[in-house]
Protein backbone atom coordinates (compact mmCIF):
# COMPACT_ATOMS: atom_id res chain seq x y z
CA MET A 1 -2.72 -82.05 65.57
CA ILE A 2 0.09 -79.93 65.05
CA ARG A 3 0.02 -76.49 67.40
CA LEU A 4 2.35 -73.58 66.93
CA ASN A 5 3.21 -71.95 70.39
CA GLY A 6 -0.32 -72.97 71.45
CA VAL A 7 -2.54 -71.93 68.85
CA SER A 8 -2.38 -73.23 65.41
CA ARG A 9 -1.55 -70.60 62.17
CA ARG A 10 -4.57 -71.85 60.66
CA GLY A 11 -6.36 -70.26 63.83
CA ALA A 12 -4.65 -67.20 63.15
CA LEU A 13 -5.59 -67.15 59.51
CA LYS A 14 -9.54 -67.94 60.77
CA LEU A 15 -8.72 -64.36 62.54
CA GLY A 16 -7.92 -62.89 59.52
CA ALA A 17 -11.38 -64.23 57.53
CA ALA A 18 -13.20 -62.68 59.97
CA ALA A 19 -11.81 -59.35 60.67
CA GLY A 20 -12.42 -56.38 58.74
CA ALA A 21 -10.16 -53.52 59.07
CA LEU A 22 -6.75 -52.39 59.89
CA PRO A 23 -3.80 -50.98 62.57
CA LEU A 24 -1.19 -50.98 64.55
CA VAL A 25 -1.57 -53.18 67.66
CA HIS A 26 0.34 -55.05 70.19
CA ILE A 27 -1.67 -57.13 72.31
CA ARG A 28 -0.77 -59.10 75.61
CA THR A 29 -3.63 -61.27 77.05
CA ALA A 30 -3.51 -62.59 80.76
CA GLY A 31 -3.10 -66.15 81.15
CA ALA A 32 -1.87 -66.65 77.43
CA ALA A 33 -2.09 -70.16 76.23
CA GLY A 34 0.21 -69.39 73.27
CA LYS A 35 1.76 -66.93 70.83
CA VAL A 36 0.64 -66.04 67.30
CA LYS A 37 2.19 -63.25 65.12
CA ILE A 38 0.17 -61.80 62.43
CA GLY A 39 1.15 -59.24 59.80
CA PHE A 40 -1.26 -56.79 58.76
CA TRP A 41 -1.82 -54.01 56.04
CA ASP A 42 -1.13 -50.60 57.74
CA HIS A 43 -4.49 -48.64 56.84
CA TRP A 44 -4.80 -45.34 55.92
CA VAL A 45 -8.46 -44.68 57.09
CA PRO A 46 -8.40 -43.07 60.57
CA GLY A 47 -10.27 -44.94 62.97
CA GLY A 48 -9.40 -48.21 61.06
CA ASN A 49 -6.59 -48.90 63.32
CA THR A 50 -9.39 -48.94 66.33
CA ILE A 51 -11.57 -51.15 64.63
CA MET A 52 -9.37 -54.07 64.05
CA GLN A 53 -7.62 -53.83 67.38
CA LYS A 54 -11.07 -54.63 68.73
CA GLN A 55 -11.04 -57.28 66.85
CA VAL A 56 -7.81 -58.63 67.56
CA ASP A 57 -8.51 -58.23 71.50
CA ALA A 58 -11.80 -60.01 71.51
CA TRP A 59 -10.35 -63.06 69.50
CA ALA A 60 -7.24 -62.94 71.77
CA ALA A 61 -9.27 -62.89 74.83
CA GLN A 62 -11.33 -65.79 73.77
CA ALA A 63 -8.40 -67.97 72.62
CA LYS A 64 -6.20 -67.12 75.30
CA VAL A 65 -3.58 -66.32 73.08
CA GLN A 66 -0.88 -63.45 73.08
CA VAL A 67 -1.16 -61.78 69.45
CA GLU A 68 1.58 -59.57 68.37
CA ALA A 69 0.41 -57.71 65.33
CA ASP A 70 2.58 -55.75 63.32
CA PHE A 71 0.88 -53.04 60.72
CA ILE A 72 3.40 -53.05 57.49
CA THR A 73 3.01 -49.93 55.29
CA GLY A 74 2.44 -50.67 51.41
CA ASN A 75 4.35 -47.46 50.83
CA GLY A 76 7.46 -48.72 48.69
CA ASN A 77 6.39 -51.92 48.57
CA LYS A 78 7.45 -52.84 51.98
CA LEU A 79 4.27 -55.45 52.46
CA SER A 80 5.22 -57.49 49.29
CA MET A 81 9.27 -57.20 49.93
CA THR A 82 8.25 -58.58 53.66
CA GLY A 83 6.66 -61.10 52.28
CA ALA A 84 9.26 -62.12 49.78
CA ALA A 85 11.99 -61.75 52.47
CA GLU A 86 9.91 -64.18 54.71
CA ALA A 87 9.23 -66.93 51.96
CA GLN A 88 12.98 -66.74 51.44
CA ALA A 89 14.12 -67.15 55.15
CA LYS A 90 11.44 -69.37 56.31
CA ALA A 91 10.94 -67.31 59.27
CA GLY A 92 8.36 -64.14 60.38
CA HIS A 93 4.57 -64.00 60.79
CA ASP A 94 2.72 -66.89 61.27
CA ALA A 95 -0.03 -65.14 59.32
CA LEU A 96 0.49 -62.51 56.84
CA THR A 97 -1.31 -60.08 54.49
CA PHE A 98 -0.74 -60.60 50.56
CA TYR A 99 -2.25 -58.11 47.86
CA ASN A 100 -3.46 -58.96 44.81
CA TRP A 101 -0.97 -61.53 42.52
CA ASP A 102 1.52 -61.87 45.73
CA VAL A 103 -0.33 -64.78 47.01
CA HIS A 104 0.70 -66.54 43.34
CA ASN A 105 4.27 -65.40 43.92
CA TYR A 106 4.52 -66.91 47.09
CA ALA A 107 1.73 -69.74 46.62
CA ASP A 108 4.83 -72.54 46.98
CA ALA A 109 5.62 -71.37 50.22
CA LEU A 110 2.16 -70.88 51.36
CA THR A 111 0.27 -73.51 53.82
CA PRO A 112 -2.84 -74.68 51.81
CA ILE A 113 -6.27 -74.10 53.95
CA ASP A 114 -8.74 -75.77 51.77
CA ASP A 115 -10.61 -76.90 54.95
CA VAL A 116 -10.60 -73.55 56.35
CA MET A 117 -11.80 -72.21 52.74
CA ALA A 118 -14.47 -74.83 52.63
CA ARG A 119 -16.33 -74.03 56.07
CA LEU A 120 -15.99 -70.25 55.30
CA ILE A 121 -17.99 -70.74 51.89
CA SER A 122 -20.14 -72.87 53.39
CA ALA A 123 -21.27 -70.31 56.13
CA ASN A 124 -21.13 -67.15 53.85
CA GLY A 125 -21.54 -68.38 49.96
CA ALA A 126 -18.81 -68.37 47.08
CA VAL A 127 -15.98 -65.92 46.98
CA SER A 128 -15.77 -63.68 43.88
CA PRO A 129 -14.30 -65.30 40.49
CA THR A 130 -11.15 -62.70 41.22
CA CYS A 131 -10.48 -63.71 44.35
CA THR A 132 -10.99 -67.27 43.81
CA TYR A 133 -8.40 -67.16 41.02
CA LEU A 134 -5.95 -65.01 43.00
CA ALA A 135 -6.07 -67.14 46.46
CA LYS A 136 -5.68 -70.30 44.94
CA GLY A 137 -2.17 -72.25 43.63
CA LYS A 138 -1.79 -75.29 41.92
CA GLY A 139 -5.42 -75.85 42.65
CA HIS A 140 -5.41 -75.32 46.54
CA TRP A 141 -6.68 -72.65 49.06
CA VAL A 142 -3.24 -70.88 49.76
CA ALA A 143 -4.70 -67.61 51.29
CA VAL A 144 -7.94 -66.04 52.86
CA PRO A 145 -9.67 -63.54 50.94
CA THR A 146 -10.67 -60.66 53.22
CA SER A 147 -12.69 -57.44 53.51
CA SER A 148 -9.69 -55.51 55.37
CA GLY A 149 -7.70 -53.96 52.90
CA THR A 150 -9.64 -54.91 50.09
CA GLN A 151 -10.93 -52.12 47.94
CA THR A 152 -12.67 -50.66 44.66
CA LYS A 153 -11.06 -47.43 43.43
CA PRO A 154 -13.62 -45.32 41.29
CA PRO A 155 -13.43 -41.76 40.47
CA CYS A 156 -14.01 -39.43 43.39
CA GLY A 157 -14.45 -35.99 42.09
CA ARG A 158 -14.98 -32.32 43.42
CA ILE A 159 -18.88 -31.84 43.07
CA SER A 160 -18.19 -28.11 42.75
CA TRP A 161 -15.54 -27.98 40.51
CA PHE A 162 -17.27 -30.28 37.82
CA LYS A 163 -20.79 -28.06 38.06
CA GLN A 164 -18.49 -24.75 37.05
CA HIS A 165 -17.21 -26.84 34.13
CA GLY A 166 -21.07 -27.87 33.00
CA LEU A 167 -21.07 -31.57 34.45
CA ASP A 168 -23.62 -32.50 37.22
CA LEU A 169 -22.35 -35.46 38.96
CA GLN A 170 -24.64 -35.84 41.41
CA ALA A 171 -27.25 -35.54 38.73
CA MET A 172 -25.01 -37.95 36.86
CA TYR A 173 -25.19 -40.48 39.10
CA PRO A 174 -27.91 -39.57 42.19
CA ALA A 175 -27.36 -41.33 45.61
CA GLN A 176 -30.40 -43.88 44.40
CA PRO A 177 -28.95 -45.18 41.54
CA ASP A 178 -30.98 -44.65 38.50
CA LYS A 179 -29.76 -44.75 34.84
CA THR A 180 -29.07 -41.55 32.95
CA LYS A 181 -28.32 -40.00 29.80
CA LEU A 182 -25.38 -38.06 31.68
CA ALA A 183 -23.91 -41.80 32.71
CA ASP A 184 -24.37 -43.05 29.24
CA ASP A 185 -22.39 -40.19 28.19
CA TRP A 186 -19.71 -40.51 31.00
CA THR A 187 -16.81 -41.99 28.32
CA TRP A 188 -13.44 -41.70 28.42
CA ASP A 189 -13.64 -39.50 25.68
CA THR A 190 -15.55 -37.20 28.40
CA PHE A 191 -12.86 -37.77 31.21
CA MET A 192 -10.13 -36.45 28.97
CA LYS A 193 -12.22 -33.39 28.12
CA TYR A 194 -12.33 -32.79 31.70
CA ALA A 195 -9.17 -34.02 32.55
CA GLU A 196 -7.89 -31.14 30.14
CA ALA A 197 -10.44 -28.20 31.23
CA ALA A 198 -8.68 -29.30 35.09
CA GLN A 199 -5.43 -28.60 33.85
CA LYS A 200 -6.01 -25.24 32.60
CA SER A 201 -7.91 -24.35 35.45
CA GLY A 202 -5.06 -25.25 37.92
CA MET A 203 -6.97 -28.10 39.23
CA SER A 204 -5.34 -31.27 37.55
CA PHE A 205 -6.70 -34.92 37.90
CA GLY A 206 -4.55 -36.46 40.16
CA LEU A 207 -3.60 -39.31 38.53
CA GLY A 208 -0.44 -40.91 38.72
CA MET A 209 2.10 -42.74 36.60
CA GLY A 210 4.15 -44.05 39.41
CA GLY A 211 4.83 -47.50 38.32
CA SER A 212 6.13 -49.99 41.04
CA THR A 213 5.75 -47.43 44.08
CA ASN A 214 2.11 -46.28 42.50
CA THR A 215 -0.69 -49.10 42.93
CA ASP A 216 -3.23 -46.71 42.44
CA ALA A 217 -1.81 -45.87 38.88
CA THR A 218 -1.94 -49.62 38.00
CA ASP A 219 -5.19 -50.32 39.13
CA THR A 220 -6.66 -46.76 37.19
CA HIS A 221 -4.96 -47.93 33.89
CA GLY A 222 -5.74 -51.39 34.65
CA ALA A 223 -9.49 -50.06 34.23
CA LEU A 224 -8.52 -48.01 31.12
CA PHE A 225 -7.16 -50.68 29.18
CA HIS A 226 -10.07 -53.11 29.88
CA ALA A 227 -12.32 -50.32 28.74
CA PHE A 228 -10.76 -50.77 25.20
CA GLY A 229 -10.75 -54.34 25.41
CA ALA A 230 -6.72 -54.53 25.50
CA ASN A 231 -4.75 -57.48 27.25
CA LEU A 232 -1.13 -57.31 27.15
CA ILE A 233 -1.44 -60.90 27.82
CA ASP A 234 -3.98 -63.14 26.74
CA ALA A 235 -5.67 -66.06 29.30
CA LYS A 236 -3.08 -68.28 27.45
CA GLY A 237 -0.13 -66.64 28.26
CA ASP A 238 0.28 -65.12 24.62
CA ILE A 239 1.93 -61.61 24.11
CA GLN A 240 -0.97 -59.29 23.07
CA LEU A 241 1.49 -56.20 22.36
CA LYS A 242 0.33 -55.67 18.63
CA SER A 243 -3.16 -55.97 19.05
CA ASP A 244 -5.40 -53.56 17.55
CA ALA A 245 -6.98 -53.09 20.80
CA VAL A 246 -3.85 -52.12 22.73
CA HIS A 247 -2.69 -49.85 19.70
CA GLN A 248 -5.95 -48.16 20.24
CA VAL A 249 -5.93 -47.54 24.37
CA LEU A 250 -1.89 -46.71 24.22
CA GLU A 251 -2.90 -43.91 21.24
CA PHE A 252 -5.88 -43.15 23.59
CA ALA A 253 -3.36 -42.72 26.67
CA GLN A 254 -0.82 -40.51 24.56
CA ARG A 255 -3.29 -37.89 24.53
CA LEU A 256 -4.58 -38.03 28.15
CA VAL A 257 -1.18 -38.17 30.01
CA LYS A 258 -0.58 -34.51 28.65
CA PHE A 259 -3.20 -33.45 31.53
CA TYR A 260 -1.57 -35.45 34.14
CA PRO A 261 0.18 -33.51 36.90
CA ASP A 262 3.84 -32.74 36.22
CA GLU A 263 5.03 -34.88 38.96
CA ALA A 264 2.68 -38.10 37.79
CA VAL A 265 5.68 -39.89 37.13
CA SER A 266 6.70 -39.71 40.62
CA TYR A 267 3.31 -40.29 42.32
CA ASP A 268 3.27 -43.17 45.00
CA ASP A 269 0.12 -44.55 46.94
CA ALA A 270 -0.33 -41.08 48.74
CA SER A 271 0.10 -38.86 46.31
CA ASN A 272 -3.24 -38.63 44.85
CA ASN A 273 -4.99 -38.59 48.49
CA ARG A 274 -2.72 -35.64 49.44
CA ALA A 275 -3.83 -33.49 46.14
CA LEU A 276 -7.55 -34.19 46.62
CA ILE A 277 -7.09 -33.20 50.50
CA SER A 278 -5.16 -29.96 49.55
CA GLY A 279 -7.74 -29.03 47.20
CA LYS A 280 -5.30 -29.42 44.10
CA SER A 281 -7.09 -31.80 42.38
CA ALA A 282 -10.69 -32.08 40.61
CA LEU A 283 -10.84 -35.96 40.63
CA ILE A 284 -8.72 -38.88 41.47
CA PHE A 285 -9.19 -42.73 41.46
CA ASN A 286 -9.28 -44.11 45.02
CA PRO A 287 -10.90 -46.17 47.98
CA PRO A 288 -12.83 -44.09 50.20
CA SER A 289 -9.51 -43.67 52.22
CA ALA A 290 -8.88 -40.34 50.88
CA TRP A 291 -12.04 -38.95 51.66
CA ALA A 292 -12.48 -40.36 55.03
CA VAL A 293 -8.98 -38.35 55.69
CA ALA A 294 -10.64 -35.31 53.92
CA LYS A 295 -13.18 -35.51 56.35
CA ARG A 296 -11.41 -35.44 59.37
CA ASP A 297 -8.74 -32.81 57.98
CA ALA A 298 -10.59 -30.78 55.56
CA PRO A 299 -14.11 -31.21 56.16
CA ALA A 300 -14.87 -28.88 53.22
CA VAL A 301 -13.12 -30.71 50.67
CA ALA A 302 -15.07 -33.92 52.00
CA ALA A 303 -18.49 -32.40 51.66
CA ASP A 304 -17.35 -31.57 48.13
CA CYS A 305 -16.92 -34.81 47.10
CA TRP A 306 -18.88 -37.61 44.89
CA THR A 307 -17.57 -40.88 44.04
CA PHE A 308 -19.02 -42.38 41.00
CA PRO A 309 -18.82 -45.39 38.41
CA ALA A 310 -15.23 -45.01 36.24
CA PRO A 311 -16.06 -44.07 32.47
CA LYS A 312 -16.96 -46.45 29.71
CA GLY A 313 -14.87 -47.55 26.68
CA PRO A 314 -15.77 -49.25 23.60
CA ASN A 315 -15.43 -52.39 25.74
CA GLY A 316 -17.53 -51.21 28.64
CA ARG A 317 -17.49 -49.79 31.86
CA PHE A 318 -14.71 -51.06 34.58
CA VAL A 319 -14.10 -50.05 38.10
CA PRO A 320 -10.47 -50.82 39.44
CA THR A 321 -10.16 -53.35 42.43
CA ALA A 322 -7.39 -54.32 44.74
CA SER A 323 -7.86 -57.43 46.82
CA PHE A 324 -6.43 -58.44 49.76
CA PHE A 325 -5.77 -62.30 51.52
CA TRP A 326 -4.31 -63.38 54.94
CA GLY A 327 -1.73 -66.50 53.99
CA GLY A 328 0.48 -68.90 56.59
CA LEU A 329 4.10 -69.16 55.54
CA ARG A 330 5.61 -72.42 55.86
CA LEU A 331 8.16 -71.61 58.63
CA GLN A 332 11.69 -73.08 59.21
CA HIS A 333 10.37 -73.91 62.71
CA GLN A 334 8.03 -76.21 61.76
CA GLN A 335 10.09 -78.21 59.92
CA ASP A 336 12.57 -78.06 62.38
CA ARG A 337 10.19 -80.41 64.82
CA GLY A 338 9.15 -82.18 61.66
CA GLU A 339 5.68 -80.77 61.69
CA ARG A 340 3.49 -81.26 58.38
CA THR A 341 2.75 -77.95 57.23
CA ASP A 342 -0.05 -78.89 54.68
CA ARG A 343 -2.17 -80.26 57.58
CA ILE A 344 -2.68 -77.94 60.57
CA PRO A 345 -5.79 -78.04 62.43
CA ASP A 346 -8.05 -74.57 63.38
CA ALA A 347 -8.36 -72.83 66.60
CA ALA A 348 -10.99 -74.73 67.89
CA ALA A 349 -9.25 -78.44 67.23
CA ALA A 350 -6.37 -77.11 68.83
CA GLY A 351 -8.04 -75.87 71.81
CA GLY A 352 -7.30 -72.29 71.15
CA GLY A 353 -11.01 -71.47 70.67
CA THR A 354 -12.79 -70.15 67.74
CA LEU A 355 -14.54 -66.64 66.29
């Protein structure tokens, strides 16, 4: 049985499977049996750090392990760059956060965890098809899907502004979900009508085009493309740029972006949050983090927000998502000791305790 500094990296991944929020934590446990270094995503939501700290503290105390937890911002792609650097250097965190397709990017450098996932699935049920696809490399589970950081990104709109312009968001999507005619009419064409009205009223829709620095923009426009049935590459890997659906969505997008903020091309993932909280935006696509910060910093804005499904297009209605995972990179110090990184026992087998 292989152990890392007194606790297995597989045990660290089990911490990832059980935890559910995010923070900046540096933990020292009395009488530590070993050390483990974990890299988490640094979360936007106020209080999220506190919740994660409690979970990490509880696990560290039970396993008698010294935990060093680093919380790494996603701004400027720092989290992704950390994974790339550590995969190349074969040095760094025992467990690290990856999101979306980053697991595939570094799959060859990640430790297979089929046994860990088999236990989790047995206890909790099947993983969603999206996360199953993203967390596997060459047929093996190489990362644990986690609720920590995983998000949906539906529209969040200002109730009062939409009412002033003829649309009652709460009637369209009531708190107790009911099918409504207003919801049937909530299409991307309707969306563009209100985006134009927002621009004219000085309350733009906070939508960005920030490319690699703006994952929110990528997710929003991915949902737009799906709503039109447009895929740039099909399941076989064939390029579909000349398809009718791609032409249709690009023609639509050319008209829509005229109503984006002037600074949309320089947006990062915090820009739409700030636009909402400052009262300058009538709508953004975002997880609840922007509303949670508004609840703390701008309560009047938070009380005037309503979150509801994305518009529908010719191919249906799609809500953007972002999936987060924890995985363990194969580190050089293991190889130097001749350890088999493809077979690392869990914390219980290594004597480190369980969650």
